Amino acid sequence: MTTAWAGRRGTAARRPRPRGVWIASGIGTVLVLAVALGAYLPLVGFLGGVTATTAGLVPFPFIRIALVTLLGVVVVLALLSWALTRRHTVTSVFAVVIAVLVSLAVTAYPVVTIAVASADRAGDVWPIVTELWQRFTG
């Protein structure tokens, strides 16, 4: 005697992914790409150009920025893939929101790092400028 129930004995029945998971994952991917292409890349290009035109007066800590960027890419990709594989929309939305926030933090990191390094460099430059001024004025 075969029943419809007998065919499911060896397999675990899974719920299909809700449409909200697909929508949240798609929106998250678009937002992360928009932040990366519309904010991060132009910002890093601008800051690199400023460093080049000031002959190194404005420092560009390339290694730190590259490491934070790589770490951010790994975390964002992990969060987006986690969002895509969830079976609950709320969990997926939560992962997408965290992924977008991480991408914004990675975008802000070069600005903060260069601002702090420039402030330190300006603190080193000011005593030299005052000493030169004193020598010039007598």
C-alpha atoms as a PDB file:
ATOM      1  CA  MET A   1       0.000   0.000   0.000  1.00  0.00           C
ATOM      2  CA  THR A   2       1.521   3.271  -1.092  1.00  0.00           C
ATOM      3  CA  THR A   3       0.434   6.613   0.113  1.00  0.00           C
ATOM      4  CA  ALA A   4       1.550  10.131  -0.614  1.00  0.00           C
ATOM      5  CA  TRP A   5       3.179  10.154   2.790  1.00  0.00           C
ATOM      6  CA  ALA A   6       5.360   7.143   2.064  1.00  0.00           C
ATOM      7  CA  GLY A   7       7.336   8.994  -0.619  1.00  0.00           C
ATOM      8  CA  ARG A   8       8.595  11.592   1.846  1.00  0.00           C
ATOM      9  CA  ARG A   9      10.064   9.288   4.450  1.00  0.00           C
ATOM     10  CA  GLY A  10      13.725   9.625   3.454  1.00  0.00           C
ATOM     11  CA  THR A  11      13.736  13.316   2.542  1.00  0.00           C
ATOM     12  CA  ALA A  12      13.272  16.318   4.695  1.00  0.00           C
ATOM     13  CA  ALA A  13      10.527  18.612   3.498  1.00  0.00           C
ATOM     14  CA  ARG A  14      11.787  22.152   3.101  1.00  0.00           C
ATOM     15  CA  ARG A  15       9.860  25.334   2.866  1.00  0.00           C
ATOM     16  CA  PRO A  16      10.449  27.263  -0.323  1.00  0.00           C
ATOM     17  CA  ARG A  17      12.136  30.619  -0.009  1.00  0.00           C
ATOM     18  CA  PRO A  18       9.607  33.404   0.344  1.00  0.00           C
ATOM     19  CA  ARG A  19       9.521  36.106  -2.288  1.00  0.00           C
ATOM     20  CA  GLY A  20      10.649  38.626   0.348  1.00  0.00           C
ATOM     21  CA  VAL A  21      14.014  36.849   0.654  1.00  0.00           C
ATOM     22  CA  TRP A  22      14.631  37.208  -3.084  1.00  0.00           C
ATOM     23  CA  ILE A  23      13.520  40.852  -3.045  1.00  0.00           C
ATOM     24  CA  ALA A  24      15.630  41.746   0.002  1.00  0.00           C
ATOM     25  CA  SER A  25      18.705  40.009  -1.449  1.00  0.00           C
ATOM     26  CA  GLY A  26      18.263  41.775  -4.779  1.00  0.00           C
ATOM     27  CA  ILE A  27      17.797  45.179  -3.196  1.00  0.00           C
ATOM     28  CA  GLY A  28      20.798  44.595  -0.920  1.00  0.00           C
ATOM     29  CA  THR A  29      22.995  43.629  -3.858  1.00  0.00           C
ATOM     30  CA  VAL A  30      21.943  46.722  -5.803  1.00  0.00           C
ATOM     31  CA  LEU A  31      22.537  49.010  -2.794  1.00  0.00           C
ATOM     32  CA  VAL A  32      25.977  47.542  -2.061  1.00  0.00           C
ATOM     33  CA  LEU A  33      26.986  47.879  -5.715  1.00  0.00           C
ATOM     34  CA  ALA A  34      25.682  51.468  -5.752  1.00  0.00           C
ATOM     35  CA  VAL A  35      27.758  52.329  -2.682  1.00  0.00           C
ATOM     36  CA  ALA A  36      30.839  50.627  -4.139  1.00  0.00           C
ATOM     37  CA  LEU A  37      30.595  52.106  -7.629  1.00  0.00           C
ATOM     38  CA  GLY A  38      28.979  55.422  -6.773  1.00  0.00           C
ATOM     39  CA  ALA A  39      30.771  56.357  -3.566  1.00  0.00           C
ATOM     40  CA  TYR A  40      33.772  54.184  -2.695  1.00  0.00           C
ATOM     41  CA  LEU A  41      35.630  54.072  -6.001  1.00  0.00           C
ATOM     42  CA  PRO A  42      35.226  57.797  -6.810  1.00  0.00           C
ATOM     43  CA  LEU A  43      36.169  58.734  -3.244  1.00  0.00           C
ATOM     44  CA  VAL A  44      39.321  56.612  -3.192  1.00  0.00           C
ATOM     45  CA  GLY A  45      40.248  57.929  -6.641  1.00  0.00           C
ATOM     46  CA  PHE A  46      39.794  61.501  -5.450  1.00  0.00           C
ATOM     47  CA  LEU A  47      41.821  60.927  -2.291  1.00  0.00           C
ATOM     48  CA  GLY A  48      44.577  59.233  -4.296  1.00  0.00           C
ATOM     49  CA  GLY A  49      44.608  62.226  -6.647  1.00  0.00           C
ATOM     50  CA  VAL A  50      44.866  64.642  -3.740  1.00  0.00           C
ATOM     51  CA  THR A  51      47.802  62.674  -2.385  1.00  0.00           C
ATOM     52  CA  ALA A  52      49.496  62.738  -5.783  1.00  0.00           C
ATOM     53  CA  THR A  53      49.007  66.480  -6.317  1.00  0.00           C
ATOM     54  CA  THR A  54      50.270  67.459  -2.870  1.00  0.00           C
ATOM     55  CA  ALA A  55      53.528  65.534  -3.321  1.00  0.00           C
ATOM     56  CA  GLY A  56      52.797  63.334  -0.330  1.00  0.00           C
ATOM     57  CA  LEU A  57      51.776  66.100   2.077  1.00  0.00           C
ATOM     58  CA  VAL A  58      48.396  64.387   2.372  1.00  0.00           C
ATOM     59  CA  PRO A  59      49.259  60.765   3.180  1.00  0.00           C
ATOM     60  CA  PHE A  60      47.438  57.823   1.604  1.00  0.00           C
ATOM     61  CA  PRO A  61      47.874  54.693   3.758  1.00  0.00           C
ATOM     62  CA  PHE A  62      47.385  52.269   0.871  1.00  0.00           C
ATOM     63  CA  ILE A  63      47.982  49.028   2.776  1.00  0.00           C
ATOM     64  CA  ARG A  64      45.537  49.807   5.590  1.00  0.00           C
ATOM     65  CA  ILE A  65      42.874  50.971   3.160  1.00  0.00           C
ATOM     66  CA  ALA A  66      43.380  47.899   0.965  1.00  0.00           C
ATOM     67  CA  LEU A  67      43.156  45.525   3.937  1.00  0.00           C
ATOM     68  CA  VAL A  68      39.990  47.156   5.274  1.00  0.00           C
ATOM     69  CA  THR A  69      38.495  47.058   1.778  1.00  0.00           C
ATOM     70  CA  LEU A  70      39.273  43.355   1.345  1.00  0.00           C
ATOM     71  CA  LEU A  71      37.892  42.534   4.785  1.00  0.00           C
ATOM     72  CA  GLY A  72      34.776  44.578   4.020  1.00  0.00           C
ATOM     73  CA  VAL A  73      34.263  42.795   0.694  1.00  0.00           C
ATOM     74  CA  VAL A  74      34.484  39.403   2.407  1.00  0.00           C
ATOM     75  CA  VAL A  75      32.050  40.410   5.158  1.00  0.00           C
ATOM     76  CA  VAL A  76      29.569  41.997   2.722  1.00  0.00           C
ATOM     77  CA  LEU A  77      29.639  38.982   0.393  1.00  0.00           C
ATOM     78  CA  ALA A  78      29.141  36.635   3.343  1.00  0.00           C
ATOM     79  CA  LEU A  79      26.191  38.679   4.600  1.00  0.00           C
ATOM     80  CA  LEU A  80      24.572  38.872   1.158  1.00  0.00           C
ATOM     81  CA  SER A  81      24.964  35.138   0.611  1.00  0.00           C
ATOM     82  CA  TRP A  82      23.601  34.515   4.095  1.00  0.00           C
ATOM     83  CA  ALA A  83      20.614  36.712   3.252  1.00  0.00           C
ATOM     84  CA  LEU A  84      20.018  34.789   0.038  1.00  0.00           C
ATOM     85  CA  THR A  85      20.027  31.394   1.733  1.00  0.00           C
ATOM     86  CA  ARG A  86      17.620  32.212   4.573  1.00  0.00           C
ATOM     87  CA  ARG A  87      14.075  30.900   4.736  1.00  0.00           C
ATOM     88  CA  HIS A  88      12.657  33.867   6.642  1.00  0.00           C
ATOM     89  CA  THR A  89      12.268  37.329   5.172  1.00  0.00           C
ATOM     90  CA  VAL A  90      13.066  39.098   8.440  1.00  0.00           C
ATOM     91  CA  THR A  91      16.414  37.328   8.770  1.00  0.00           C
ATOM     92  CA  SER A  92      17.224  38.135   5.165  1.00  0.00           C
ATOM     93  CA  VAL A  93      16.359  41.812   5.601  1.00  0.00           C
ATOM     94  CA  PHE A  94      18.484  41.953   8.751  1.00  0.00           C
ATOM     95  CA  ALA A  95      21.499  40.521   6.907  1.00  0.00           C
ATOM     96  CA  VAL A  96      20.993  42.954   4.007  1.00  0.00           C
ATOM     97  CA  VAL A  97      20.819  45.957   6.328  1.00  0.00           C
ATOM     98  CA  ILE A  98      24.033  44.894   8.066  1.00  0.00           C
ATOM     99  CA  ALA A  99      25.713  44.363   4.661  1.00  0.00           C
ATOM    100  CA  VAL A 100      24.762  47.881   3.523  1.00  0.00           C
ATOM    101  CA  LEU A 101      25.975  49.375   6.813  1.00  0.00           C
ATOM    102  CA  VAL A 102      29.303  47.534   6.493  1.00  0.00           C
ATOM    103  CA  SER A 103      29.712  48.824   2.938  1.00  0.00           C
ATOM    104  CA  LEU A 104      29.055  52.384   4.141  1.00  0.00           C
ATOM    105  CA  ALA A 105      31.600  51.955   6.947  1.00  0.00           C
ATOM    106  CA  VAL A 106      34.193  50.670   4.481  1.00  0.00           C
ATOM    107  CA  THR A 107      33.462  53.702   2.299  1.00  0.00           C
ATOM    108  CA  ALA A 108      33.946  56.112   5.211  1.00  0.00           C
ATOM    109  CA  TYR A 109      37.163  54.470   6.421  1.00  0.00           C
ATOM    110  CA  PRO A 110      39.562  56.066   3.868  1.00  0.00           C
ATOM    111  CA  VAL A 111      38.256  59.553   4.634  1.00  0.00           C
ATOM    112  CA  VAL A 112      38.677  59.112   8.381  1.00  0.00           C
ATOM    113  CA  THR A 113      42.099  57.496   8.018  1.00  0.00           C
ATOM    114  CA  ILE A 114      43.426  60.196   5.710  1.00  0.00           C
ATOM    115  CA  ALA A 115      41.967  62.968   7.882  1.00  0.00           C
ATOM    116  CA  VAL A 116      43.657  61.578  10.993  1.00  0.00           C
ATOM    117  CA  ALA A 117      46.954  61.028   9.169  1.00  0.00           C
ATOM    118  CA  SER A 118      46.801  64.538   7.700  1.00  0.00           C
ATOM    119  CA  ALA A 119      46.155  66.034  11.132  1.00  0.00           C
ATOM    120  CA  ASP A 120      49.186  64.165  12.489  1.00  0.00           C
ATOM    121  CA  ARG A 121      51.289  65.316   9.538  1.00  0.00           C
ATOM    122  CA  ALA A 122      50.098  68.910   9.996  1.00  0.00           C
ATOM    123  CA  GLY A 123      51.168  68.728  13.623  1.00  0.00           C
ATOM    124  CA  ASP A 124      54.637  67.716  12.442  1.00  0.00           C
ATOM    125  CA  VAL A 125      54.779  70.431   9.773  1.00  0.00           C
ATOM    126  CA  TRP A 126      53.771  73.382  11.956  1.00  0.00           C
ATOM    127  CA  PRO A 127      56.960  73.495  14.112  1.00  0.00           C
ATOM    128  CA  ILE A 128      59.076  73.428  10.943  1.00  0.00           C
ATOM    129  CA  VAL A 129      57.088  76.291   9.425  1.00  0.00           C
ATOM    130  CA  THR A 130      57.410  78.410  12.585  1.00  0.00           C
ATOM    131  CA  GLU A 131      61.150  77.755  12.780  1.00  0.00           C
ATOM    132  CA  LEU A 132      61.593  78.782   9.130  1.00  0.00           C
ATOM    133  CA  TRP A 133      59.502  81.899   9.758  1.00  0.00           C
ATOM    134  CA  GLN A 134      61.649  82.851  12.766  1.00  0.00           C
ATOM    135  CA  ARG A 135      64.828  82.396  10.730  1.00  0.00           C
ATOM    136  CA  PHE A 136      63.429  84.498   7.931  1.00  0.00           C
ATOM    137  CA  THR A 137      62.273  87.353  10.160  1.00  0.00           C
ATOM    138  CA  GLY A 138      65.412  87.374  12.240  1.00  0.00           C
END
